[in-house]
C-alpha atoms as a PDB file:
ATOM      1  CA  MET A   1       0.000   0.000   0.000  1.00  0.00           C
ATOM      2  CA  MET A   2       1.323   3.444  -0.879  1.00  0.00           C
ATOM      3  CA  PRO A   3       0.210   6.919   0.243  1.00  0.00           C
ATOM      4  CA  THR A   4      -0.161   8.518  -3.178  1.00  0.00           C
ATOM      5  CA  ARG A   5      -2.198  11.527  -2.122  1.00  0.00           C
ATOM      6  CA  TYR A   6      -0.496  14.730  -1.100  1.00  0.00           C
ATOM      7  CA  LEU A   7      -2.132  16.185   2.011  1.00  0.00           C
ATOM      8  CA  LEU A   8      -1.852  19.799   0.872  1.00  0.00           C
ATOM      9  CA  ASP A   9      -3.414  19.345  -2.574  1.00  0.00           C
ATOM     10  CA  ALA A  10      -7.133  19.852  -3.199  1.00  0.00           C
ATOM     11  CA  GLU A  11      -8.157  16.351  -2.145  1.00  0.00           C
ATOM     12  CA  GLY A  12      -6.088  16.410   1.023  1.00  0.00           C
ATOM     13  CA  ARG A  13      -7.328  19.847   2.024  1.00  0.00           C
ATOM     14  CA  ALA A  14     -10.900  18.651   1.516  1.00  0.00           C
ATOM     15  CA  ALA A  15     -10.226  15.678   3.806  1.00  0.00           C
ATOM     16  CA  ILE A  16      -8.987  18.033   6.536  1.00  0.00           C
ATOM     17  CA  ALA A  17     -12.018  20.256   6.054  1.00  0.00           C
ATOM     18  CA  ARG A  18     -14.342  17.258   6.542  1.00  0.00           C
ATOM     19  CA  LEU A  19     -12.396  16.097   9.585  1.00  0.00           C
ATOM     20  CA  MET A  20     -12.626  19.500  11.261  1.00  0.00           C
ATOM     21  CA  THR A  21     -16.437  19.410  11.130  1.00  0.00           C
ATOM     22  CA  ARG A  22     -16.350  16.443  13.525  1.00  0.00           C
ATOM     23  CA  ARG A  23     -14.811  15.792  16.972  1.00  0.00           C
ATOM     24  CA  PRO A  24     -11.372  14.435  16.054  1.00  0.00           C
ATOM     25  CA  LEU A  25      -8.431  13.477  18.199  1.00  0.00           C
ATOM     26  CA  LEU A  26      -5.264  14.937  16.682  1.00  0.00           C
ATOM     27  CA  GLY A  27      -2.236  12.678  17.110  1.00  0.00           C
ATOM     28  CA  PHE A  28       1.361  13.630  16.327  1.00  0.00           C
ATOM     29  CA  ASP A  29       4.683  11.848  16.417  1.00  0.00           C
ATOM     30  CA  PHE A  30       7.507  14.052  17.737  1.00  0.00           C
ATOM     31  CA  ASP A  31      10.905  13.517  16.063  1.00  0.00           C
ATOM     32  CA  GLY A  32      10.767  14.175  12.334  1.00  0.00           C
ATOM     33  CA  THR A  33       7.128  15.230  12.538  1.00  0.00           C
ATOM     34  CA  LEU A  34       6.604  18.076  14.996  1.00  0.00           C
ATOM     35  CA  ALA A  35      10.336  18.611  15.519  1.00  0.00           C
ATOM     36  CA  PRO A  36      12.995  18.562  12.794  1.00  0.00           C
ATOM     37  CA  ILE A  37      15.421  15.649  12.797  1.00  0.00           C
ATOM     38  CA  VAL A  38      18.724  16.691  14.404  1.00  0.00           C
ATOM     39  CA  MET A  39      22.120  15.026  14.549  1.00  0.00           C
ATOM     40  CA  HIS A  40      21.954  14.493  18.328  1.00  0.00           C
ATOM     41  CA  PRO A  41      18.588  13.368  19.812  1.00  0.00           C
ATOM     42  CA  ASP A  42      19.034  15.577  22.891  1.00  0.00           C
ATOM     43  CA  GLU A  43      19.008  18.706  20.700  1.00  0.00           C
ATOM     44  CA  ALA A  44      15.467  18.122  19.406  1.00  0.00           C
ATOM     45  CA  ARG A  45      12.972  20.867  20.245  1.00  0.00           C
ATOM     46  CA  LEU A  46       9.627  21.982  18.892  1.00  0.00           C
ATOM     47  CA  PRO A  47      10.054  25.199  16.871  1.00  0.00           C
ATOM     48  CA  GLU A  48       8.317  28.111  18.587  1.00  0.00           C
ATOM     49  CA  PRO A  49       5.895  28.852  15.683  1.00  0.00           C
ATOM     50  CA  THR A  50       4.784  25.199  15.694  1.00  0.00           C
ATOM     51  CA  ALA A  51       4.282  25.235  19.462  1.00  0.00           C
ATOM     52  CA  LYS A  52       2.119  28.357  19.248  1.00  0.00           C
ATOM     53  CA  LEU A  53      -0.072  26.837  16.536  1.00  0.00           C
ATOM     54  CA  LEU A  54      -0.502  23.651  18.588  1.00  0.00           C
ATOM     55  CA  GLU A  55      -1.333  25.660  21.695  1.00  0.00           C
ATOM     56  CA  ARG A  56      -4.194  27.310  19.808  1.00  0.00           C
ATOM     57  CA  LEU A  57      -5.377  23.945  18.495  1.00  0.00           C
ATOM     58  CA  ALA A  58      -5.209  22.377  21.968  1.00  0.00           C
ATOM     59  CA  ALA A  59      -7.744  24.947  23.190  1.00  0.00           C
ATOM     60  CA  ARG A  60     -10.200  23.586  20.632  1.00  0.00           C
ATOM     61  CA  LEU A  61      -9.489  19.858  20.233  1.00  0.00           C
ATOM     62  CA  PRO A  62      -7.732  17.049  22.139  1.00  0.00           C
ATOM     63  CA  ILE A  63      -4.115  16.710  21.021  1.00  0.00           C
ATOM     64  CA  ALA A  64      -1.947  13.667  21.695  1.00  0.00           C
ATOM     65  CA  VAL A  65       1.817  13.514  21.228  1.00  0.00           C
ATOM     66  CA  VAL A  66       2.691   9.854  20.673  1.00  0.00           C
ATOM     67  CA  SER A  67       6.450   9.432  20.690  1.00  0.00           C
ATOM     68  CA  GLY A  68       9.141   6.796  20.836  1.00  0.00           C
ATOM     69  CA  ARG A  69      10.780   8.878  23.568  1.00  0.00           C
ATOM     70  CA  GLN A  70       9.958   8.604  27.240  1.00  0.00           C
ATOM     71  CA  VAL A  71       7.135  10.844  28.411  1.00  0.00           C
ATOM     72  CA  LEU A  72       9.420  12.910  30.670  1.00  0.00           C
ATOM     73  CA  ASP A  73      11.901  13.333  27.850  1.00  0.00           C
ATOM     74  CA  VAL A  74       9.432  14.605  25.274  1.00  0.00           C
ATOM     75  CA  ARG A  75       7.385  16.793  27.636  1.00  0.00           C
ATOM     76  CA  HIS A  76      10.009  19.509  28.143  1.00  0.00           C
ATOM     77  CA  ARG A  77      10.731  19.713  24.421  1.00  0.00           C
ATOM     78  CA  LEU A  78       7.227  20.746  23.343  1.00  0.00           C
ATOM     79  CA  GLY A  79       6.724  24.356  24.419  1.00  0.00           C
ATOM     80  CA  PHE A  80       2.984  23.779  24.813  1.00  0.00           C
ATOM     81  CA  LYS A  81       0.758  21.483  26.892  1.00  0.00           C
ATOM     82  CA  PRO A  82      -0.925  18.752  24.871  1.00  0.00           C
ATOM     83  CA  THR A  83      -3.985  16.938  26.140  1.00  0.00           C
ATOM     84  CA  HIS A  84      -2.075  13.686  26.497  1.00  0.00           C
ATOM     85  CA  ILE A  85       1.442  12.311  25.974  1.00  0.00           C
ATOM     86  CA  VAL A  86       2.249   8.686  25.210  1.00  0.00           C
ATOM     87  CA  GLY A  87       5.857   7.517  25.138  1.00  0.00           C
ATOM     88  CA  ASN A  88       7.898   4.415  24.358  1.00  0.00           C
ATOM     89  CA  HIS A  89       6.146   3.790  21.025  1.00  0.00           C
ATOM     90  CA  GLY A  90       2.819   3.399  22.845  1.00  0.00           C
ATOM     91  CA  ALA A  91       3.971   1.386  25.881  1.00  0.00           C
ATOM     92  CA  GLU A  92       4.136   4.308  28.353  1.00  0.00           C
ATOM     93  CA  ASP A  93       1.091   6.398  29.261  1.00  0.00           C
ATOM     94  CA  GLU A  94       1.505   9.866  30.751  1.00  0.00           C
ATOM     95  CA  PHE A  95      -0.928   9.093  33.563  1.00  0.00           C
ATOM     96  CA  ASP A  96      -0.767   5.296  33.902  1.00  0.00           C
ATOM     97  CA  GLY A  97       3.003   4.890  33.546  1.00  0.00           C
ATOM     98  CA  PRO A  98       4.948   2.279  31.535  1.00  0.00           C
ATOM     99  CA  ASP A  99       3.645  -1.227  30.952  1.00  0.00           C
ATOM    100  CA  THR A 100       5.312  -3.221  33.760  1.00  0.00           C
ATOM    101  CA  ARG A 101       5.306  -6.495  31.790  1.00  0.00           C
ATOM    102  CA  VAL A 102       7.252  -4.808  29.031  1.00  0.00           C
ATOM    103  CA  VAL A 103       9.870  -3.383  31.391  1.00  0.00           C
ATOM    104  CA  THR A 104      10.379  -6.793  33.016  1.00  0.00           C
ATOM    105  CA  THR A 105      10.615  -8.667  29.713  1.00  0.00           C
ATOM    106  CA  LEU A 106      13.477  -6.433  28.580  1.00  0.00           C
ATOM    107  CA  GLY A 107      15.549  -7.370  31.652  1.00  0.00           C
ATOM    108  CA  ALA A 108      17.407 -10.275  30.042  1.00  0.00           C
ATOM    109  CA  PHE A 109      18.312  -8.184  27.012  1.00  0.00           C
ATOM    110  CA  ARG A 110      19.584  -5.399  29.282  1.00  0.00           C
ATOM    111  CA  ASP A 111      22.086  -7.757  30.851  1.00  0.00           C
ATOM    112  CA  ARG A 112      23.509  -8.682  27.432  1.00  0.00           C
ATOM    113  CA  MET A 113      23.412  -5.065  26.294  1.00  0.00           C
ATOM    114  CA  LEU A 114      25.423  -3.814  29.258  1.00  0.00           C
ATOM    115  CA  ARG A 115      28.094  -6.457  28.674  1.00  0.00           C
ATOM    116  CA  MET A 116      28.441  -5.408  25.035  1.00  0.00           C
ATOM    117  CA  GLU A 117      28.051  -1.663  25.521  1.00  0.00           C
ATOM    118  CA  PRO A 118      31.805  -0.927  25.290  1.00  0.00           C
ATOM    119  CA  ASP A 119      31.926  -2.569  21.825  1.00  0.00           C
ATOM    120  CA  LEU A 120      28.918  -0.517  20.715  1.00  0.00           C
ATOM    121  CA  ASN A 121      30.453   2.733  21.983  1.00  0.00           C
ATOM    122  CA  ARG A 122      33.755   2.043  20.233  1.00  0.00           C
ATOM    123  CA  ALA A 123      31.801   1.612  16.981  1.00  0.00           C
ATOM    124  CA  GLY A 124      30.007   4.936  17.513  1.00  0.00           C
ATOM    125  CA  ALA A 125      26.659   3.526  18.668  1.00  0.00           C
ATOM    126  CA  THR A 126      24.958   4.756  21.850  1.00  0.00           C
ATOM    127  CA  ILE A 127      22.292   3.164  24.024  1.00  0.00           C
ATOM    128  CA  GLU A 128      19.147   4.932  25.209  1.00  0.00           C
ATOM    129  CA  ASP A 129      17.291   2.823  27.772  1.00  0.00           C
ATOM    130  CA  LYS A 130      13.753   4.162  28.071  1.00  0.00           C
ATOM    131  CA  GLY A 131      12.371   1.563  30.449  1.00  0.00           C
ATOM    132  CA  ALA A 132       9.649   0.146  28.205  1.00  0.00           C
ATOM    133  CA  SER A 133      11.877   0.143  25.122  1.00  0.00           C
ATOM    134  CA  ILE A 134      15.534   0.572  24.203  1.00  0.00           C
ATOM    135  CA  ALA A 135      16.964   2.608  21.330  1.00  0.00           C
ATOM    136  CA  ILE A 136      20.435   2.023  19.908  1.00  0.00           C
ATOM    137  CA  HIS A 137      21.449   5.128  17.989  1.00  0.00           C
ATOM    138  CA  TYR A 138      24.168   5.421  15.369  1.00  0.00           C
ATOM    139  CA  ARG A 139      23.388   8.796  13.819  1.00  0.00           C
ATOM    140  CA  MET A 140      26.673  10.186  15.150  1.00  0.00           C
ATOM    141  CA  ALA A 141      28.806   7.159  14.230  1.00  0.00           C
ATOM    142  CA  PRO A 142      31.860   8.102  12.106  1.00  0.00           C
ATOM    143  CA  ASN A 143      31.533   4.731  10.362  1.00  0.00           C
ATOM    144  CA  PRO A 144      27.861   3.718  10.085  1.00  0.00           C
ATOM    145  CA  VAL A 145      28.765   0.318   8.630  1.00  0.00           C
ATOM    146  CA  ALA A 146      30.879  -0.547  11.678  1.00  0.00           C
ATOM    147  CA  ALA A 147      28.115   0.699  13.977  1.00  0.00           C
ATOM    148  CA  ARG A 148      25.510  -1.445  12.238  1.00  0.00           C
ATOM    149  CA  GLU A 149      27.796  -4.474  12.524  1.00  0.00           C
ATOM    150  CA  ALA A 150      28.204  -3.919  16.268  1.00  0.00           C
ATOM    151  CA  ILE A 151      24.451  -3.570  16.672  1.00  0.00           C
ATOM    152  CA  ALA A 152      23.890  -6.715  14.598  1.00  0.00           C
ATOM    153  CA  ALA A 153      26.189  -8.641  16.945  1.00  0.00           C
ATOM    154  CA  LEU A 154      24.203  -7.387  19.939  1.00  0.00           C
ATOM    155  CA  ILE A 155      20.805  -8.354  18.553  1.00  0.00           C
ATOM    156  CA  ALA A 156      21.949 -11.658  17.037  1.00  0.00           C
ATOM    157  CA  GLU A 157      20.605 -13.395  20.150  1.00  0.00           C
ATOM    158  CA  LEU A 158      17.360 -12.038  21.523  1.00  0.00           C
ATOM    159  CA  PRO A 159      15.554 -13.347  24.614  1.00  0.00           C
ATOM    160  CA  PRO A 160      12.043 -14.763  24.157  1.00  0.00           C
ATOM    161  CA  GLY A 161       9.470 -12.060  23.557  1.00  0.00           C
ATOM    162  CA  VAL A 162      12.002  -9.407  22.530  1.00  0.00           C
ATOM    163  CA  LEU A 163      12.181  -8.067  18.971  1.00  0.00           C
ATOM    164  CA  THR A 164      13.848  -5.260  17.034  1.00  0.00           C
ATOM    165  CA  GLU A 165      12.565  -2.632  14.634  1.00  0.00           C
ATOM    166  CA  PRO A 166      14.852  -0.484  12.473  1.00  0.00           C
ATOM    167  CA  GLY A 167      14.307   3.260  12.234  1.00  0.00           C
ATOM    168  CA  LYS A 168      16.203   6.284  10.952  1.00  0.00           C
ATOM    169  CA  ARG A 169      19.796   5.638  12.103  1.00  0.00           C
ATOM    170  CA  VAL A 170      18.405   3.780  15.106  1.00  0.00           C
ATOM    171  CA  VAL A 171      17.440   0.241  16.049  1.00  0.00           C
ATOM    172  CA  ASN A 172      14.559  -0.018  18.509  1.00  0.00           C
ATOM    173  CA  VAL A 173      14.394  -2.969  20.906  1.00  0.00           C
ATOM    174  CA  LEU A 174      10.787  -3.722  21.803  1.00  0.00           C
ATOM    175  CA  VAL A 175       8.668  -6.391  23.448  1.00  0.00           C
ATOM    176  CA  ASP A 176       6.420  -8.532  21.303  1.00  0.00           C
ATOM    177  CA  GLY A 177       2.797  -7.634  21.992  1.00  0.00           C
ATOM    178  CA  ALA A 178       3.645  -4.380  23.782  1.00  0.00           C
ATOM    179  CA  PRO A 179       1.135  -1.540  23.317  1.00  0.00           C
ATOM    180  CA  ASP A 180       2.024   0.352  20.153  1.00  0.00           C
ATOM    181  CA  LYS A 181       1.020   3.677  18.619  1.00  0.00           C
ATOM    182  CA  GLY A 182      -2.084   2.139  17.087  1.00  0.00           C
ATOM    183  CA  ASP A 183      -3.208   0.956  20.518  1.00  0.00           C
ATOM    184  CA  ALA A 184      -2.502   4.403  21.940  1.00  0.00           C
ATOM    185  CA  MET A 185      -4.585   6.222  19.346  1.00  0.00           C
ATOM    186  CA  THR A 186      -7.479   3.786  19.740  1.00  0.00           C
ATOM    187  CA  ARG A 187      -7.398   4.141  23.526  1.00  0.00           C
ATOM    188  CA  LEU A 188      -7.173   7.933  23.506  1.00  0.00           C
ATOM    189  CA  THR A 189      -9.940   8.328  20.929  1.00  0.00           C
ATOM    190  CA  ALA A 190     -12.298   6.578  23.342  1.00  0.00           C
ATOM    191  CA  ARG A 191     -10.906   8.369  26.390  1.00  0.00           C
ATOM    192  CA  TYR A 192     -11.570  11.827  24.952  1.00  0.00           C
ATOM    193  CA  GLY A 193     -14.870  11.057  23.246  1.00  0.00           C
ATOM    194  CA  ALA A 194     -13.585  11.713  19.727  1.00  0.00           C
ATOM    195  CA  ASP A 195     -15.507  10.349  16.778  1.00  0.00           C
ATOM    196  CA  ALA A 196     -12.643  10.566  14.258  1.00  0.00           C
ATOM    197  CA  GLY A 197      -8.885  10.879  14.223  1.00  0.00           C
ATOM    198  CA  PHE A 198      -5.824  12.386  12.611  1.00  0.00           C
ATOM    199  CA  TYR A 199      -2.367  10.911  12.937  1.00  0.00           C
ATOM    200  CA  VAL A 200       0.918  11.985  11.372  1.00  0.00           C
ATOM    201  CA  GLY A 201       4.341  10.365  11.707  1.00  0.00           C
ATOM    202  CA  ASP A 202       7.511   9.721   9.769  1.00  0.00           C
ATOM    203  CA  ASP A 203       8.915   6.318  10.712  1.00  0.00           C
ATOM    204  CA  THR A 204       8.209   2.601  10.867  1.00  0.00           C
ATOM    205  CA  ASN A 205       6.923   2.741  14.447  1.00  0.00           C
ATOM    206  CA  ASP A 206       4.067   4.975  13.223  1.00  0.00           C
ATOM    207  CA  GLU A 207       2.730   2.286  10.897  1.00  0.00           C
ATOM    208  CA  PRO A 208       0.489   0.589  13.526  1.00  0.00           C
ATOM    209  CA  ALA A 209      -1.401   3.883  13.910  1.00  0.00           C
ATOM    210  CA  PHE A 210      -1.761   4.169  10.133  1.00  0.00           C
ATOM    211  CA  GLU A 211      -2.751   0.544   9.644  1.00  0.00           C
ATOM    212  CA  ARG A 212      -5.465   0.410  12.292  1.00  0.00           C
ATOM    213  CA  ALA A 213      -7.005   3.814  11.628  1.00  0.00           C
ATOM    214  CA  ALA A 214     -10.699   3.814  10.744  1.00  0.00           C
ATOM    215  CA  ALA A 215     -11.654   4.533   7.154  1.00  0.00           C
ATOM    216  CA  ASP A 216     -12.725   8.098   7.957  1.00  0.00           C
ATOM    217  CA  TRP A 217      -9.440   9.044   9.682  1.00  0.00           C
ATOM    218  CA  VAL A 218      -6.769  11.170   8.053  1.00  0.00           C
ATOM    219  CA  THR A 219      -3.359   9.475   8.334  1.00  0.00           C
ATOM    220  CA  VAL A 220      -0.180  11.102   7.044  1.00  0.00           C
ATOM    221  CA  ARG A 221       3.372   9.925   6.403  1.00  0.00           C
ATOM    222  CA  VAL A 222       6.069  12.619   6.477  1.00  0.00           C
ATOM    223  CA  GLY A 223       8.829  12.148   3.947  1.00  0.00           C
ATOM    224  CA  PRO A 224       9.419   9.471   1.319  1.00  0.00           C
ATOM    225  CA  ARG A 225       6.300   7.866  -0.080  1.00  0.00           C
ATOM    226  CA  LEU A 226       7.347   4.338   0.862  1.00  0.00           C
ATOM    227  CA  ASP A 227       5.334   1.596  -0.805  1.00  0.00           C
ATOM    228  CA  HIS A 228       4.915  -0.320   2.470  1.00  0.00           C
ATOM    229  CA  SER A 229       3.246   2.557   4.348  1.00  0.00           C
ATOM    230  CA  HIS A 230      -0.419   2.329   5.317  1.00  0.00           C
ATOM    231  CA  ALA A 231      -0.799   6.119   5.566  1.00  0.00           C
ATOM    232  CA  ARG A 232      -3.422   7.553   3.239  1.00  0.00           C
ATOM    233  CA  TYR A 233      -1.628  10.861   2.621  1.00  0.00           C
ATOM    234  CA  TYR A 234       1.914  12.184   2.667  1.00  0.00           C
ATOM    235  CA  LEU A 235       3.828  15.409   3.241  1.00  0.00           C
ATOM    236  CA  ASN A 236       7.060  16.076   1.406  1.00  0.00           C
ATOM    237  CA  GLU A 237       8.950  17.249   4.480  1.00  0.00           C
ATOM    238  CA  GLN A 238       8.643  18.042   8.167  1.00  0.00           C
ATOM    239  CA  ALA A 239       8.578  21.809   7.520  1.00  0.00           C
ATOM    240  CA  GLU A 240       5.089  21.457   6.004  1.00  0.00           C
ATOM    241  CA  ILE A 241       3.520  20.548   9.343  1.00  0.00           C
ATOM    242  CA  ASP A 242       2.860  24.225  10.167  1.00  0.00           C
ATOM    243  CA  ASP A 243       0.831  24.571   6.961  1.00  0.00           C
ATOM    244  CA  VAL A 244      -1.338  21.665   8.114  1.00  0.00           C
ATOM    245  CA  LEU A 245      -1.861  23.188  11.561  1.00  0.00           C
ATOM    246  CA  ARG A 246      -2.826  26.564  10.059  1.00  0.00           C
ATOM    247  CA  LEU A 247      -5.290  24.843   7.752  1.00  0.00           C
ATOM    248  CA  MET A 248      -6.901  23.059  10.702  1.00  0.00           C
ATOM    249  CA  LEU A 249      -7.222  26.316  12.626  1.00  0.00           C
ATOM    250  CA  GLU A 250      -8.724  28.016   9.589  1.00  0.00           C
ATOM    251  CA  HIS A 251     -11.436  25.360   9.303  1.00  0.00           C
ATOM    252  CA  LEU A 252     -12.150  25.653  13.017  1.00  0.00           C
ATOM    253  CA  GLY A 253     -12.779  29.374  12.567  1.00  0.00           C
ATOM    254  CA  ASP A 254      -9.816  30.261  14.747  1.00  0.00           C
ATOM    255  CA  PRO A 255     -10.001  34.026  15.302  1.00  0.00           C
ATOM    256  CA  GLY A 256      -6.268  34.402  15.732  1.00  0.00           C
ATOM    257  CA  GLU A 257      -3.742  34.231  18.535  1.00  0.00           C
ATOM    258  CA  GLY A 258      -4.936  35.729  21.782  1.00  0.00           C
ATOM    259  CA  ARG A 259      -8.653  35.410  21.027  1.00  0.00           C
ATOM    260  CA  PRO A 260      -9.890  31.961  22.148  1.00  0.00           C
ATOM    261  CA  GLY A 261     -12.647  30.238  20.233  1.00  0.00           C
ATOM    262  CA  PRO A 262     -15.146  27.628  21.493  1.00  0.00           C
ATOM    263  CA  LEU A 263     -13.660  24.721  23.442  1.00  0.00           C
ATOM    264  CA  PHE A 264     -13.778  21.090  22.331  1.00  0.00           C
ATOM    265  CA  GLY A 265     -16.972  19.429  23.415  1.00  0.00           C
ATOM    266  CA  THR A 266     -18.996  22.636  23.836  1.00  0.00           C
END
């Protein structure tokens, strides 16, 4: 399946217009979607214009940030207060905490990972243990081939129930059956009484949200129009996200910054 429709052409704009007449939950990935991709993950921040647009939207509709990062990590990078944050690819809820089964299942892999960490570091790979998932980054590696080989040696033997998922210069270590971004969006749609949804992301861990979205949802892949994506629309690049947010506000009759409109659910 391939997202062949551009979100900002006539058809995509019409889909947003229809969505804004309902009670949608708006879901956003963080890295590469709301925030530009940066060389070092700790440098990622939401641009101020994007944060201001989202702040205005959050006064009107429920907004969820659904990230691969930990909740505490992503929260201080936003510059606005969303309705809900979900971290660890869906396995950590802002209010309910991380899935304890997932954290426990990763224990055996952690032991192996810590033994092999010096080899990974020498190859330019770094470990980010997020409790309910683990990310092995090699964006900064001087020799990406050597870094990938070191990572391959680490994940050659995985404990039962543990799996890996490649991303953009990162390998994610996850637990089979752990809550994913699709589960998160389904759960939050019910929690906030939404009757439709919007979800946008840029990587493989966003695919569960795309794949399980209802037929009347608007799902968007940022970046290359990969033929394995289940998103229905695409954006060419992350910088276009502000255009989408402005379009949503326009259809909601947003009167402009500093003049609040009607709240969601009123």
